[in-house]
Amino acid sequence: MELQVFLAVLGAAMMHAGWNAVVKGGTDPFTSVTQVSLFSAGIALCFLPFVKVPAAEAWPWLAAPAALHTFYRFMLIGAHRAGDMAQV
């Protein structure tokens, strides 16, 4: 495995663990997920001027994962409310 790939995977794992710790450490998981999402959206908006608008044919392929990810986040909120972080 190349060093760049290894570091990218390690960085992604660290960010994933970090955001779950933020969600679990907050007083309300819904509020914490919303704050993390807004922070992430703010970072993404900074890069928006550097990318092209996707073709019309791509929008359904972008909407479906967005809907699934929203469902995942609601399930994650419920999991954080119900269980310990080591279980979640």
C-alpha atoms as a PDB file:
ATOM      1  CA  MET A   1       0.000   0.000   0.000  1.00  0.00           C
ATOM      2  CA  GLU A   2       1.292   3.438  -0.873  1.00  0.00           C
ATOM      3  CA  LEU A   3       2.030   5.846   1.957  1.00  0.00           C
ATOM      4  CA  GLN A   4      -0.489   8.404   0.633  1.00  0.00           C
ATOM      5  CA  VAL A   5      -3.292   5.842   0.651  1.00  0.00           C
ATOM      6  CA  PHE A   6      -2.366   4.660   4.127  1.00  0.00           C
ATOM      7  CA  LEU A   7      -2.321   8.219   5.473  1.00  0.00           C
ATOM      8  CA  ALA A   8      -5.662   9.018   3.795  1.00  0.00           C
ATOM      9  CA  VAL A   9      -7.293   5.953   5.374  1.00  0.00           C
ATOM     10  CA  LEU A  10      -5.740   6.715   8.756  1.00  0.00           C
ATOM     11  CA  GLY A  11      -6.885  10.337   8.543  1.00  0.00           C
ATOM     12  CA  ALA A  12     -10.423   9.289   7.611  1.00  0.00           C
ATOM     13  CA  ALA A  13     -10.536   6.875  10.552  1.00  0.00           C
ATOM     14  CA  MET A  14      -9.340   9.588  12.928  1.00  0.00           C
ATOM     15  CA  MET A  15     -11.934  12.074  11.648  1.00  0.00           C
ATOM     16  CA  HIS A  16     -14.690   9.468  11.930  1.00  0.00           C
ATOM     17  CA  ALA A  17     -13.723   8.621  15.505  1.00  0.00           C
ATOM     18  CA  GLY A  18     -13.414  12.316  16.321  1.00  0.00           C
ATOM     19  CA  TRP A  19     -16.831  13.252  15.031  1.00  0.00           C
ATOM     20  CA  ASN A  20     -18.431  10.347  16.882  1.00  0.00           C
ATOM     21  CA  ALA A  21     -16.695  11.492  20.082  1.00  0.00           C
ATOM     22  CA  VAL A  22     -18.055  15.015  19.554  1.00  0.00           C
ATOM     23  CA  VAL A  23     -21.577  13.656  19.034  1.00  0.00           C
ATOM     24  CA  LYS A  24     -21.421  11.404  22.085  1.00  0.00           C
ATOM     25  CA  GLY A  25     -19.763  14.056  24.258  1.00  0.00           C
ATOM     26  CA  GLY A  26     -22.440  16.669  23.600  1.00  0.00           C
ATOM     27  CA  THR A  27     -25.529  17.120  25.707  1.00  0.00           C
ATOM     28  CA  ASP A  28     -27.916  16.282  22.845  1.00  0.00           C
ATOM     29  CA  PRO A  29     -26.849  14.011  19.958  1.00  0.00           C
ATOM     30  CA  PHE A  30     -29.206  15.746  17.489  1.00  0.00           C
ATOM     31  CA  THR A  31     -27.702  19.148  18.239  1.00  0.00           C
ATOM     32  CA  SER A  32     -24.174  17.759  18.047  1.00  0.00           C
ATOM     33  CA  VAL A  33     -24.819  16.057  14.679  1.00  0.00           C
ATOM     34  CA  THR A  34     -26.361  19.289  13.364  1.00  0.00           C
ATOM     35  CA  GLN A  35     -23.347  21.330  14.485  1.00  0.00           C
ATOM     36  CA  VAL A  36     -20.855  18.875  12.969  1.00  0.00           C
ATOM     37  CA  SER A  37     -22.875  18.828   9.727  1.00  0.00           C
ATOM     38  CA  LEU A  38     -22.992  22.614   9.514  1.00  0.00           C
ATOM     39  CA  PHE A  39     -19.253  22.843  10.178  1.00  0.00           C
ATOM     40  CA  SER A  40     -18.593  20.274   7.437  1.00  0.00           C
ATOM     41  CA  ALA A  41     -20.893  22.116   5.056  1.00  0.00           C
ATOM     42  CA  GLY A  42     -19.006  25.338   5.739  1.00  0.00           C
ATOM     43  CA  ILE A  43     -15.721  23.685   4.809  1.00  0.00           C
ATOM     44  CA  ALA A  44     -17.279  22.194   1.661  1.00  0.00           C
ATOM     45  CA  LEU A  45     -18.659  25.592   0.631  1.00  0.00           C
ATOM     46  CA  CYS A  46     -15.120  26.991   0.654  1.00  0.00           C
ATOM     47  CA  PHE A  47     -14.200  24.530  -2.112  1.00  0.00           C
ATOM     48  CA  LEU A  48     -17.365  25.025  -4.149  1.00  0.00           C
ATOM     49  CA  PRO A  49     -15.890  27.690  -6.467  1.00  0.00           C
ATOM     50  CA  PHE A  50     -13.241  25.210  -7.617  1.00  0.00           C
ATOM     51  CA  VAL A  51     -15.575  22.506  -8.961  1.00  0.00           C
ATOM     52  CA  LYS A  52     -18.038  22.352 -11.844  1.00  0.00           C
ATOM     53  CA  VAL A  53     -21.773  21.919 -11.407  1.00  0.00           C
ATOM     54  CA  PRO A  54     -22.655  18.247 -11.979  1.00  0.00           C
ATOM     55  CA  ALA A  55     -24.549  17.303 -15.127  1.00  0.00           C
ATOM     56  CA  ALA A  56     -28.298  16.883 -14.831  1.00  0.00           C
ATOM     57  CA  GLU A  57     -27.942  13.119 -15.258  1.00  0.00           C
ATOM     58  CA  ALA A  58     -25.795  12.947 -12.116  1.00  0.00           C
ATOM     59  CA  TRP A  59     -28.285  14.585  -9.742  1.00  0.00           C
ATOM     60  CA  PRO A  60     -30.266  11.399  -8.955  1.00  0.00           C
ATOM     61  CA  TRP A  61     -26.962   9.646  -8.220  1.00  0.00           C
ATOM     62  CA  LEU A  62     -26.100  12.463  -5.816  1.00  0.00           C
ATOM     63  CA  ALA A  63     -29.547  12.681  -4.205  1.00  0.00           C
ATOM     64  CA  ALA A  64     -29.786   8.975  -3.355  1.00  0.00           C
ATOM     65  CA  PRO A  65     -26.600   8.831  -1.233  1.00  0.00           C
ATOM     66  CA  ALA A  66     -27.568  12.132   0.411  1.00  0.00           C
ATOM     67  CA  ALA A  67     -30.896  10.620   1.462  1.00  0.00           C
ATOM     68  CA  LEU A  68     -29.205   7.444   2.696  1.00  0.00           C
ATOM     69  CA  HIS A  69     -26.651   9.465   4.643  1.00  0.00           C
ATOM     70  CA  THR A  70     -29.416  11.510   6.267  1.00  0.00           C
ATOM     71  CA  PHE A  71     -31.103   8.249   7.317  1.00  0.00           C
ATOM     72  CA  TYR A  72     -27.737   7.019   8.670  1.00  0.00           C
ATOM     73  CA  ARG A  73     -27.318  10.161  10.744  1.00  0.00           C
ATOM     74  CA  PHE A  74     -30.758   9.803  12.314  1.00  0.00           C
ATOM     75  CA  MET A  75     -29.950   6.180  13.149  1.00  0.00           C
ATOM     76  CA  LEU A  76     -26.614   7.301  14.622  1.00  0.00           C
ATOM     77  CA  ILE A  77     -28.390   9.862  16.802  1.00  0.00           C
ATOM     78  CA  GLY A  78     -30.676   7.112  18.134  1.00  0.00           C
ATOM     79  CA  ALA A  79     -27.718   4.822  18.737  1.00  0.00           C
ATOM     80  CA  HIS A  80     -25.841   7.493  20.685  1.00  0.00           C
ATOM     81  CA  ARG A  81     -28.899   8.133  22.811  1.00  0.00           C
ATOM     82  CA  ALA A  82     -29.349   4.431  23.556  1.00  0.00           C
ATOM     83  CA  GLY A  83     -25.845   3.039  23.987  1.00  0.00           C
ATOM     84  CA  ASP A  84     -22.304   3.561  25.107  1.00  0.00           C
ATOM     85  CA  MET A  85     -19.818   4.929  22.569  1.00  0.00           C
ATOM     86  CA  ALA A  86     -17.903   1.632  22.516  1.00  0.00           C
ATOM     87  CA  GLN A  87     -21.110  -0.099  21.411  1.00  0.00           C
ATOM     88  CA  VAL A  88     -22.119   2.564  18.910  1.00  0.00           C
END
